Amino acid sequence: MIRVLVVDDHPIVRAGLAGLLGDEPGLDVVGEAADGEQAVRMAAALRPDVVLMDLRMPGVDGVAATARIVAAGAGSPAAPKVLILTTYESDDNILAAIEAGAAGYLLKAAPQREIVAGIRSVAAGQSALSPQVAVRLVERARRPEPATTLTERETDVLRLVAAGHSNKQVAAALGIRESTVKTHLLKVFDKLGVADRTRAVTLAMERGLLG
């Protein structure tokens, strides 16, 4: 029996998924979480085999929750596997989820059989990607990474962000206004083609922009 924790901030969607999966032989929905923070707590308490994770949620989102669940179970063969189920299929969303440790990435528009098959696959230690997501990853891998140059100040700001400092702390450390820090970060996001601090730091490190 595959134990599943369903995570989605929309009650109707969450209930629908739980009902759908509960009717499948070999699957047991052991819990439902309404946000990422609750998902982390329930994953630790219930130890499901698979966490079916929504991506966009208030507070702790699916990427952050995935990273915390994966980190908590690191080294344990019984650690929960996280399968993203979302409506979003942008390169940035996909890469952020996979880098956080997700074992699969499916779209909510997928047929029921594809979602169920994905759960069974990740529970067995395999990956599960919707065809659309797989195509985007292949295309991404084939594209050369664009050359990116950050200014010295943008690099300073991002390096402090990577060290875990808030915008206010970065401003104090560099002797600039907090609004200026935000401006630098927005420029960095635009240059790297990302939408958040975590992905900006990760991508900058991958490209060797932080030294």
Protein backbone atom coordinates (compact mmCIF):
# COMPACT_ATOMS: atom_id res chain seq x y z
CA MET A 1 0.00 0.00 0.00
CA ILE A 2 1.39 3.40 -1.05
CA ARG A 3 0.71 6.05 1.59
CA VAL A 4 0.02 9.49 0.08
CA LEU A 5 -0.12 12.97 1.60
CA VAL A 6 -2.09 15.44 -0.56
CA VAL A 7 -1.01 19.09 -0.39
CA ASP A 8 -3.04 21.88 -2.03
CA ASP A 9 -4.30 25.23 -0.76
CA HIS A 10 -7.65 24.91 -2.59
CA PRO A 11 -10.08 22.84 -0.48
CA ILE A 12 -12.11 21.62 -3.46
CA VAL A 13 -9.03 20.56 -5.43
CA ARG A 14 -7.55 18.90 -2.34
CA ALA A 15 -10.74 16.99 -1.59
CA GLY A 16 -11.08 16.00 -5.24
CA LEU A 17 -7.55 14.60 -5.36
CA ALA A 18 -8.02 12.76 -2.08
CA GLY A 19 -11.25 11.21 -3.35
CA LEU A 20 -9.72 10.29 -6.68
CA LEU A 21 -6.70 8.62 -5.12
CA GLY A 22 -8.70 6.97 -2.35
CA ASP A 23 -10.58 4.97 -4.97
CA GLU A 24 -7.38 3.62 -6.50
CA PRO A 25 -6.27 0.14 -5.41
CA GLY A 26 -2.96 0.15 -3.59
CA LEU A 27 -3.13 3.85 -2.66
CA ASP A 28 -3.99 5.17 0.81
CA VAL A 29 -4.45 8.91 1.39
CA VAL A 30 -3.14 9.32 4.93
CA GLY A 31 -3.51 13.09 5.19
CA GLU A 32 -4.32 16.41 3.55
CA ALA A 33 -2.36 19.65 4.02
CA ALA A 34 -3.50 23.14 3.04
CA ASP A 35 -0.08 24.81 2.79
CA GLY A 36 3.65 24.12 2.73
CA GLU A 37 4.22 24.59 6.45
CA GLN A 38 1.49 22.10 7.31
CA ALA A 39 2.86 19.72 4.66
CA VAL A 40 6.30 19.70 6.29
CA ARG A 41 4.80 18.94 9.71
CA MET A 42 2.49 16.22 8.43
CA ALA A 43 5.22 14.60 6.33
CA ALA A 44 7.35 14.30 9.48
CA ALA A 45 4.49 12.94 11.57
CA LEU A 46 2.82 10.61 9.07
CA ARG A 47 5.88 9.46 7.06
CA PRO A 48 3.96 8.99 3.78
CA ASP A 49 5.59 7.27 0.84
CA VAL A 50 4.63 10.08 -1.53
CA VAL A 51 3.78 13.75 -0.98
CA LEU A 52 1.62 15.07 -3.83
CA MET A 53 2.64 18.73 -3.68
CA ASP A 54 1.00 21.83 -5.12
CA LEU A 55 3.48 24.50 -6.22
CA ARG A 56 1.93 27.91 -5.58
CA MET A 57 0.63 28.30 -2.02
CA PRO A 58 0.56 31.20 0.44
CA GLY A 59 3.36 31.31 3.00
CA VAL A 60 5.71 28.38 2.48
CA ASP A 61 5.33 27.41 -1.19
CA GLY A 62 5.71 23.98 -2.77
CA VAL A 63 9.38 24.42 -3.67
CA ALA A 64 10.40 25.45 -0.15
CA ALA A 65 8.27 22.71 1.42
CA THR A 66 9.79 20.14 -0.94
CA ALA A 67 13.32 21.18 0.00
CA ARG A 68 12.52 20.89 3.71
CA ILE A 69 10.84 17.49 3.39
CA VAL A 70 13.68 16.12 1.27
CA ALA A 71 16.32 17.50 3.64
CA ALA A 72 14.55 16.02 6.68
CA GLY A 73 14.56 12.58 5.10
CA ALA A 74 18.07 12.69 3.65
CA GLY A 75 19.84 9.36 4.00
CA SER A 76 16.72 7.41 4.94
CA PRO A 77 15.43 4.81 2.45
CA ALA A 78 11.94 5.38 3.85
CA ALA A 79 12.01 9.14 3.26
CA PRO A 80 8.92 10.55 1.51
CA LYS A 81 9.21 11.20 -2.22
CA VAL A 82 7.74 14.48 -3.43
CA LEU A 83 5.71 14.62 -6.63
CA ILE A 84 4.78 18.13 -7.81
CA LEU A 85 1.26 18.50 -9.21
CA THR A 86 0.64 21.99 -10.53
CA THR A 87 -0.82 24.12 -13.30
CA TYR A 88 2.53 25.87 -13.88
CA GLU A 89 5.03 24.60 -16.45
CA SER A 90 7.59 27.39 -16.85
CA ASP A 91 11.27 26.46 -17.00
CA ASP A 92 11.89 28.37 -13.79
CA ASN A 93 9.17 26.52 -11.87
CA ILE A 94 10.28 23.12 -13.15
CA LEU A 95 13.97 23.62 -12.42
CA ALA A 96 13.34 25.10 -8.98
CA ALA A 97 11.20 22.10 -8.00
CA ILE A 98 13.69 19.54 -9.30
CA GLU A 99 16.60 21.32 -7.64
CA ALA A 100 14.63 21.26 -4.38
CA GLY A 101 14.56 17.47 -4.65
CA ALA A 102 11.19 16.69 -6.24
CA ALA A 103 11.09 13.20 -7.76
CA GLY A 104 8.56 14.21 -10.38
CA TYR A 105 6.59 17.06 -11.93
CA LEU A 106 3.10 16.59 -13.34
CA LEU A 107 0.43 19.02 -14.51
CA LYS A 108 -3.06 19.15 -13.03
CA ALA A 109 -4.49 18.88 -16.53
CA ALA A 110 -2.98 15.39 -16.82
CA PRO A 111 -5.35 12.41 -17.09
CA GLN A 112 -6.11 10.57 -13.87
CA ARG A 113 -4.16 7.51 -15.01
CA GLU A 114 -1.04 9.65 -15.54
CA ILE A 115 -1.23 11.10 -12.02
CA VAL A 116 -1.75 7.66 -10.48
CA ALA A 117 1.08 6.19 -12.56
CA GLY A 118 3.31 9.07 -11.46
CA ILE A 119 2.62 8.34 -7.79
CA ARG A 120 3.42 4.67 -8.28
CA SER A 121 6.63 5.55 -10.16
CA VAL A 122 8.08 7.91 -7.55
CA ALA A 123 7.07 5.52 -4.76
CA ALA A 124 9.17 2.89 -6.55
CA GLY A 125 12.15 5.20 -6.65
CA GLN A 126 11.72 6.34 -10.25
CA SER A 127 11.03 9.78 -11.69
CA ALA A 128 7.77 11.00 -13.16
CA LEU A 129 7.55 13.87 -15.64
CA SER A 130 4.60 14.92 -17.74
CA PRO A 131 5.38 14.82 -21.48
CA GLN A 132 5.22 18.62 -21.69
CA VAL A 133 7.67 19.02 -18.83
CA ALA A 134 10.05 16.42 -20.26
CA VAL A 135 10.11 18.27 -23.58
CA ARG A 136 10.86 21.59 -21.85
CA LEU A 137 13.74 20.05 -19.89
CA VAL A 138 15.25 18.54 -23.04
CA GLU A 139 14.94 21.87 -24.87
CA ARG A 140 16.48 23.66 -21.91
CA ALA A 141 19.42 21.24 -21.82
CA ARG A 142 20.07 21.79 -25.53
CA ARG A 143 20.06 25.58 -25.27
CA PRO A 144 23.40 27.20 -24.48
CA GLU A 145 23.27 29.25 -21.30
CA PRO A 146 23.26 32.95 -22.14
CA ALA A 147 26.27 34.91 -20.95
CA THR A 148 25.35 36.96 -17.93
CA THR A 149 27.31 39.79 -16.37
CA LEU A 150 26.44 41.28 -13.00
CA THR A 151 27.78 44.60 -11.83
CA GLU A 152 30.07 44.66 -8.82
CA ARG A 153 27.30 46.01 -6.61
CA GLU A 154 24.76 43.47 -7.88
CA THR A 155 27.27 40.73 -7.07
CA ASP A 156 27.82 42.14 -3.58
CA VAL A 157 24.07 42.21 -2.95
CA LEU A 158 23.50 38.69 -4.24
CA ARG A 159 26.45 37.32 -2.28
CA LEU A 160 24.96 38.68 0.95
CA VAL A 161 21.54 37.30 0.01
CA ALA A 162 23.18 33.92 -0.56
CA ALA A 163 24.58 34.14 2.97
CA GLY A 164 21.03 34.42 4.30
CA HIS A 165 20.80 38.16 4.91
CA SER A 166 17.52 40.06 4.58
CA ASN A 167 17.21 43.16 2.39
CA LYS A 168 17.50 45.33 5.50
CA GLN A 169 20.68 43.55 6.58
CA VAL A 170 22.16 43.80 3.09
CA ALA A 171 21.42 47.54 3.03
CA ALA A 172 23.14 48.02 6.39
CA ALA A 173 26.17 46.00 5.34
CA LEU A 174 26.65 47.93 2.10
CA GLY A 175 25.63 51.34 3.41
CA ILE A 176 22.78 51.77 0.94
CA ARG A 177 19.02 52.14 1.16
CA GLU A 178 16.80 49.07 1.41
CA SER A 179 14.93 50.29 -1.67
CA THR A 180 18.25 50.29 -3.55
CA VAL A 181 18.83 46.68 -2.55
CA LYS A 182 15.42 45.78 -3.98
CA THR A 183 16.27 47.60 -7.21
CA HIS A 184 19.54 45.68 -7.55
CA LEU A 185 17.76 42.40 -6.93
CA LEU A 186 15.10 43.15 -9.54
CA LYS A 187 17.86 43.84 -12.07
CA VAL A 188 19.55 40.56 -11.12
CA PHE A 189 16.26 38.68 -11.51
CA ASP A 190 15.80 40.21 -14.95
CA LYS A 191 19.33 39.34 -16.08
CA LEU A 192 19.07 35.76 -14.87
CA GLY A 193 15.49 35.27 -16.01
CA VAL A 194 14.23 34.22 -12.57
CA ALA A 195 11.46 35.36 -10.25
CA ASP A 196 12.79 34.87 -6.75
CA ARG A 197 15.87 35.14 -4.52
CA THR A 198 16.41 31.41 -4.08
CA ARG A 199 16.52 30.71 -7.80
CA ALA A 200 18.71 33.78 -8.41
CA VAL A 201 21.31 32.56 -5.91
CA THR A 202 21.20 28.99 -7.23
CA LEU A 203 21.59 30.03 -10.86
CA ALA A 204 24.33 32.56 -10.08
CA MET A 205 26.29 29.84 -8.27
CA GLU A 206 25.79 27.43 -11.18
CA ARG A 207 27.22 30.02 -13.56
CA GLY A 208 30.10 30.95 -11.28
CA LEU A 209 28.91 34.53 -10.89
CA LEU A 210 29.49 34.67 -7.15
CA GLY A 211 33.11 33.55 -7.28
